[in-house]
Amino acid sequence: MTKRMNYRTEVPAEQEIRYWMSAPAVTVNIAAPLSEALALMREHDVRRLPVVIDTGELRGMITQGDIRGADVLRVAGLDPFDIADALRQVKGYAVMTESPVTGRPSTGLREAAMLMIESKIGGLPVVDENQCVVGIITESDLFEALVQQLDREH
């Protein structure tokens, strides 16, 4: 069990992740097959998807790494049709990370970065008070914020 640090401090509004996150987040239903998750990742050029139930509440996260085995199987020479069939059989909940670390829209950029570093994750789902996904902030979003801040300083 990892120790959670409290990084929460008051931050200027422009440093809240609501201004830097991707919204709305591309999500996948918990009962969707992995083939659907993979298709969404490719279609939207993302590497991670929040997994939600029908109400939009967050239940987990699926990353490309969670389903990367399909590419390995293809390289190993397995029939692509068999791989596709297998991806249709396995549901997202079977491979997702349950109860992922989350942020709120008012979470500061520093706090989000520290949560991601501590948890060794590349994306932080952003949820509202009902645990419904409203966005996602990724390493790339944090880099963009850093670059803009550095540009303002020079």
C-alpha atoms as a PDB file:
ATOM      1  CA  MET A   1       0.000   0.000   0.000  1.00  0.00           C
ATOM      2  CA  THR A   2       1.438   3.353  -0.999  1.00  0.00           C
ATOM      3  CA  LYS A   3       1.474   6.244   1.385  1.00  0.00           C
ATOM      4  CA  ARG A   4      -0.610   9.171   0.171  1.00  0.00           C
ATOM      5  CA  MET A   5       0.868  12.569   0.722  1.00  0.00           C
ATOM      6  CA  ASN A   6      -1.312  15.643   1.015  1.00  0.00           C
ATOM      7  CA  TYR A   7      -0.051  18.164  -1.516  1.00  0.00           C
ATOM      8  CA  ARG A   8      -3.199  20.306  -1.444  1.00  0.00           C
ATOM      9  CA  THR A   9      -2.536  23.995  -1.219  1.00  0.00           C
ATOM     10  CA  GLU A  10      -4.485  26.956  -2.488  1.00  0.00           C
ATOM     11  CA  VAL A  11      -3.426  27.759  -6.022  1.00  0.00           C
ATOM     12  CA  PRO A  12      -4.265  30.550  -8.437  1.00  0.00           C
ATOM     13  CA  ALA A  13      -7.267  29.604 -10.568  1.00  0.00           C
ATOM     14  CA  GLU A  14      -5.184  29.365 -13.745  1.00  0.00           C
ATOM     15  CA  GLN A  15      -3.092  26.652 -12.091  1.00  0.00           C
ATOM     16  CA  GLU A  16      -6.114  24.430 -11.433  1.00  0.00           C
ATOM     17  CA  ILE A  17      -6.199  21.361 -13.648  1.00  0.00           C
ATOM     18  CA  ARG A  18      -9.648  22.314 -14.978  1.00  0.00           C
ATOM     19  CA  TYR A  19      -7.842  24.728 -17.329  1.00  0.00           C
ATOM     20  CA  TRP A  20      -5.327  22.149 -18.567  1.00  0.00           C
ATOM     21  CA  MET A  21      -7.211  18.844 -18.663  1.00  0.00           C
ATOM     22  CA  SER A  22      -8.700  17.290 -21.765  1.00  0.00           C
ATOM     23  CA  ALA A  23     -12.468  17.520 -21.516  1.00  0.00           C
ATOM     24  CA  PRO A  24     -14.633  15.760 -22.060  1.00  0.00           C
ATOM     25  CA  ALA A  25     -12.479  12.699 -21.525  1.00  0.00           C
ATOM     26  CA  VAL A  26     -12.808   9.790 -23.905  1.00  0.00           C
ATOM     27  CA  THR A  27     -14.181   6.982 -21.728  1.00  0.00           C
ATOM     28  CA  VAL A  28     -15.123   3.347 -22.182  1.00  0.00           C
ATOM     29  CA  ASN A  29     -17.949   1.442 -20.508  1.00  0.00           C
ATOM     30  CA  ILE A  30     -16.939  -1.160 -17.954  1.00  0.00           C
ATOM     31  CA  ALA A  31     -18.712  -3.919 -19.919  1.00  0.00           C
ATOM     32  CA  ALA A  32     -17.166  -2.981 -23.277  1.00  0.00           C
ATOM     33  CA  PRO A  33     -14.818  -5.488 -24.889  1.00  0.00           C
ATOM     34  CA  LEU A  34     -11.124  -4.695 -25.145  1.00  0.00           C
ATOM     35  CA  SER A  35     -11.536  -4.378 -28.899  1.00  0.00           C
ATOM     36  CA  GLU A  36     -13.734  -1.312 -28.304  1.00  0.00           C
ATOM     37  CA  ALA A  37     -11.239   0.205 -25.864  1.00  0.00           C
ATOM     38  CA  LEU A  38      -8.403  -0.318 -28.343  1.00  0.00           C
ATOM     39  CA  ALA A  39     -10.473   1.191 -31.172  1.00  0.00           C
ATOM     40  CA  LEU A  40     -11.255   4.269 -29.043  1.00  0.00           C
ATOM     41  CA  MET A  41      -7.582   4.693 -28.179  1.00  0.00           C
ATOM     42  CA  ARG A  42      -6.595   4.558 -31.825  1.00  0.00           C
ATOM     43  CA  GLU A  43      -9.456   6.792 -32.995  1.00  0.00           C
ATOM     44  CA  HIS A  44      -8.735   9.512 -30.425  1.00  0.00           C
ATOM     45  CA  ASP A  45      -4.944   9.017 -30.280  1.00  0.00           C
ATOM     46  CA  VAL A  46      -4.898   8.443 -26.512  1.00  0.00           C
ATOM     47  CA  ARG A  47      -3.007   5.906 -24.419  1.00  0.00           C
ATOM     48  CA  ARG A  48      -5.417   5.589 -21.499  1.00  0.00           C
ATOM     49  CA  LEU A  49      -9.156   5.503 -20.949  1.00  0.00           C
ATOM     50  CA  PRO A  50     -11.207   6.022 -17.810  1.00  0.00           C
ATOM     51  CA  VAL A  51     -13.563   3.069 -17.373  1.00  0.00           C
ATOM     52  CA  VAL A  52     -17.060   4.130 -16.356  1.00  0.00           C
ATOM     53  CA  ILE A  53     -20.434   2.631 -15.541  1.00  0.00           C
ATOM     54  CA  ASP A  54     -23.596   3.779 -17.335  1.00  0.00           C
ATOM     55  CA  THR A  55     -24.006   6.810 -15.040  1.00  0.00           C
ATOM     56  CA  GLY A  56     -20.516   8.078 -15.942  1.00  0.00           C
ATOM     57  CA  GLU A  57     -19.024   7.173 -12.561  1.00  0.00           C
ATOM     58  CA  LEU A  58     -15.372   6.162 -12.659  1.00  0.00           C
ATOM     59  CA  ARG A  59     -14.592   2.526 -11.887  1.00  0.00           C
ATOM     60  CA  GLY A  60     -11.101   2.081 -13.307  1.00  0.00           C
ATOM     61  CA  MET A  61      -8.513   2.878 -15.959  1.00  0.00           C
ATOM     62  CA  ILE A  62      -7.344   0.934 -19.003  1.00  0.00           C
ATOM     63  CA  THR A  63      -4.034   1.779 -20.651  1.00  0.00           C
ATOM     64  CA  GLN A  64      -2.432   0.670 -23.872  1.00  0.00           C
ATOM     65  CA  GLY A  65      -0.077  -1.359 -21.714  1.00  0.00           C
ATOM     66  CA  ASP A  66      -3.025  -3.295 -20.314  1.00  0.00           C
ATOM     67  CA  ILE A  67      -3.927  -4.515 -23.792  1.00  0.00           C
ATOM     68  CA  ARG A  68      -0.530  -4.383 -25.486  1.00  0.00           C
ATOM     69  CA  GLY A  69      -0.452  -8.165 -25.527  1.00  0.00           C
ATOM     70  CA  ALA A  70      -2.477  -8.074 -28.738  1.00  0.00           C
ATOM     71  CA  ASP A  71       0.447  -6.511 -30.617  1.00  0.00           C
ATOM     72  CA  VAL A  72       2.833  -9.063 -29.122  1.00  0.00           C
ATOM     73  CA  LEU A  73       0.570 -11.892 -30.264  1.00  0.00           C
ATOM     74  CA  ARG A  74       0.417 -10.440 -33.787  1.00  0.00           C
ATOM     75  CA  VAL A  75       4.229 -10.189 -33.978  1.00  0.00           C
ATOM     76  CA  ALA A  76       4.466 -13.768 -32.682  1.00  0.00           C
ATOM     77  CA  GLY A  77       2.571 -14.872 -35.774  1.00  0.00           C
ATOM     78  CA  LEU A  78      -0.853 -15.592 -34.340  1.00  0.00           C
ATOM     79  CA  ASP A  79      -3.754 -15.129 -36.708  1.00  0.00           C
ATOM     80  CA  PRO A  80      -5.071 -11.536 -36.559  1.00  0.00           C
ATOM     81  CA  PHE A  81      -8.643 -12.836 -36.701  1.00  0.00           C
ATOM     82  CA  ASP A  82      -8.041 -14.980 -33.616  1.00  0.00           C
ATOM     83  CA  ILE A  83      -6.526 -12.000 -31.816  1.00  0.00           C
ATOM     84  CA  ALA A  84      -9.474  -9.783 -32.774  1.00  0.00           C
ATOM     85  CA  ASP A  85     -11.887 -12.439 -31.581  1.00  0.00           C
ATOM     86  CA  ALA A  86     -10.072 -12.703 -28.256  1.00  0.00           C
ATOM     87  CA  LEU A  87     -10.190  -8.914 -27.808  1.00  0.00           C
ATOM     88  CA  ARG A  88     -13.947  -9.040 -28.360  1.00  0.00           C
ATOM     89  CA  GLN A  89     -14.321 -11.731 -25.685  1.00  0.00           C
ATOM     90  CA  VAL A  90     -12.399 -10.013 -22.869  1.00  0.00           C
ATOM     91  CA  LYS A  91     -14.237  -7.184 -21.100  1.00  0.00           C
ATOM     92  CA  GLY A  92     -12.574  -4.027 -19.845  1.00  0.00           C
ATOM     93  CA  TYR A  93     -13.187  -4.787 -16.191  1.00  0.00           C
ATOM     94  CA  ALA A  94     -10.995  -7.879 -16.488  1.00  0.00           C
ATOM     95  CA  VAL A  95      -7.822  -5.866 -17.126  1.00  0.00           C
ATOM     96  CA  MET A  96      -8.537  -2.374 -15.781  1.00  0.00           C
ATOM     97  CA  THR A  97      -6.850  -0.834 -12.776  1.00  0.00           C
ATOM     98  CA  GLU A  98      -9.590  -0.514 -10.176  1.00  0.00           C
ATOM     99  CA  SER A  99     -10.135   2.561  -8.004  1.00  0.00           C
ATOM    100  CA  PRO A 100      -7.581   4.764  -9.747  1.00  0.00           C
ATOM    101  CA  VAL A 101      -6.095   7.867  -8.172  1.00  0.00           C
ATOM    102  CA  THR A 102      -8.162  10.889  -9.201  1.00  0.00           C
ATOM    103  CA  GLY A 103      -8.158  14.650  -9.130  1.00  0.00           C
ATOM    104  CA  ARG A 104     -10.887  17.287  -8.927  1.00  0.00           C
ATOM    105  CA  PRO A 105     -11.217  20.197 -11.346  1.00  0.00           C
ATOM    106  CA  SER A 106      -9.870  22.507  -8.611  1.00  0.00           C
ATOM    107  CA  THR A 107      -6.788  20.342  -7.966  1.00  0.00           C
ATOM    108  CA  GLY A 108      -3.599  22.322  -8.545  1.00  0.00           C
ATOM    109  CA  LEU A 109      -1.100  21.424 -11.266  1.00  0.00           C
ATOM    110  CA  ARG A 110       1.612  20.709  -8.698  1.00  0.00           C
ATOM    111  CA  GLU A 111      -0.657  18.430  -6.686  1.00  0.00           C
ATOM    112  CA  ALA A 112      -1.702  16.570  -9.846  1.00  0.00           C
ATOM    113  CA  ALA A 113       1.941  16.142 -10.860  1.00  0.00           C
ATOM    114  CA  MET A 114       2.890  14.880  -7.393  1.00  0.00           C
ATOM    115  CA  LEU A 115      -0.014  12.389  -7.383  1.00  0.00           C
ATOM    116  CA  MET A 116       1.071  11.107 -10.796  1.00  0.00           C
ATOM    117  CA  ILE A 117       4.722  10.803  -9.721  1.00  0.00           C
ATOM    118  CA  GLU A 118       3.827   9.086  -6.454  1.00  0.00           C
ATOM    119  CA  SER A 119       1.435   6.676  -8.182  1.00  0.00           C
ATOM    120  CA  LYS A 120       3.696   6.141 -11.208  1.00  0.00           C
ATOM    121  CA  ILE A 121       0.904   6.948 -13.655  1.00  0.00           C
ATOM    122  CA  GLY A 122       0.808   8.982 -16.842  1.00  0.00           C
ATOM    123  CA  GLY A 123      -2.747  10.260 -16.585  1.00  0.00           C
ATOM    124  CA  LEU A 124      -5.067  11.376 -13.824  1.00  0.00           C
ATOM    125  CA  PRO A 125      -8.827  11.124 -14.334  1.00  0.00           C
ATOM    126  CA  VAL A 126     -10.632  14.240 -13.137  1.00  0.00           C
ATOM    127  CA  VAL A 127     -13.948  13.602 -11.391  1.00  0.00           C
ATOM    128  CA  ASP A 128     -16.733  15.713  -9.940  1.00  0.00           C
ATOM    129  CA  GLU A 129     -18.329  15.320  -6.519  1.00  0.00           C
ATOM    130  CA  ASN A 130     -20.370  12.337  -7.796  1.00  0.00           C
ATOM    131  CA  GLN A 131     -17.225  10.551  -9.050  1.00  0.00           C
ATOM    132  CA  CYS A 132     -18.307  11.160 -12.663  1.00  0.00           C
ATOM    133  CA  VAL A 133     -15.459  11.699 -15.105  1.00  0.00           C
ATOM    134  CA  VAL A 134     -15.270  15.294 -16.338  1.00  0.00           C
ATOM    135  CA  GLY A 135     -11.806  15.161 -17.888  1.00  0.00           C
ATOM    136  CA  ILE A 136      -8.313  13.741 -17.744  1.00  0.00           C
ATOM    137  CA  ILE A 137      -4.954  15.407 -17.243  1.00  0.00           C
ATOM    138  CA  THR A 138      -1.874  13.728 -18.653  1.00  0.00           C
ATOM    139  CA  GLU A 139       1.877  14.154 -18.545  1.00  0.00           C
ATOM    140  CA  SER A 140       1.645  16.000 -21.865  1.00  0.00           C
ATOM    141  CA  ASP A 141      -0.847  18.484 -20.390  1.00  0.00           C
ATOM    142  CA  LEU A 142       1.495  19.118 -17.461  1.00  0.00           C
ATOM    143  CA  PHE A 143       4.451  19.637 -19.822  1.00  0.00           C
ATOM    144  CA  GLU A 144       2.395  22.152 -21.813  1.00  0.00           C
ATOM    145  CA  ALA A 145       1.553  24.061 -18.622  1.00  0.00           C
ATOM    146  CA  LEU A 146       5.228  24.051 -17.601  1.00  0.00           C
ATOM    147  CA  VAL A 147       6.391  25.331 -20.987  1.00  0.00           C
ATOM    148  CA  GLN A 148       3.823  28.146 -20.942  1.00  0.00           C
ATOM    149  CA  GLN A 149       4.866  29.132 -17.430  1.00  0.00           C
ATOM    150  CA  LEU A 150       8.551  29.130 -18.407  1.00  0.00           C
ATOM    151  CA  ASP A 151       7.758  31.207 -21.499  1.00  0.00           C
ATOM    152  CA  ARG A 152       5.966  33.794 -19.337  1.00  0.00           C
ATOM    153  CA  GLU A 153       8.995  34.026 -17.046  1.00  0.00           C
ATOM    154  CA  HIS A 154      11.317  34.820 -19.944  1.00  0.00           C
END
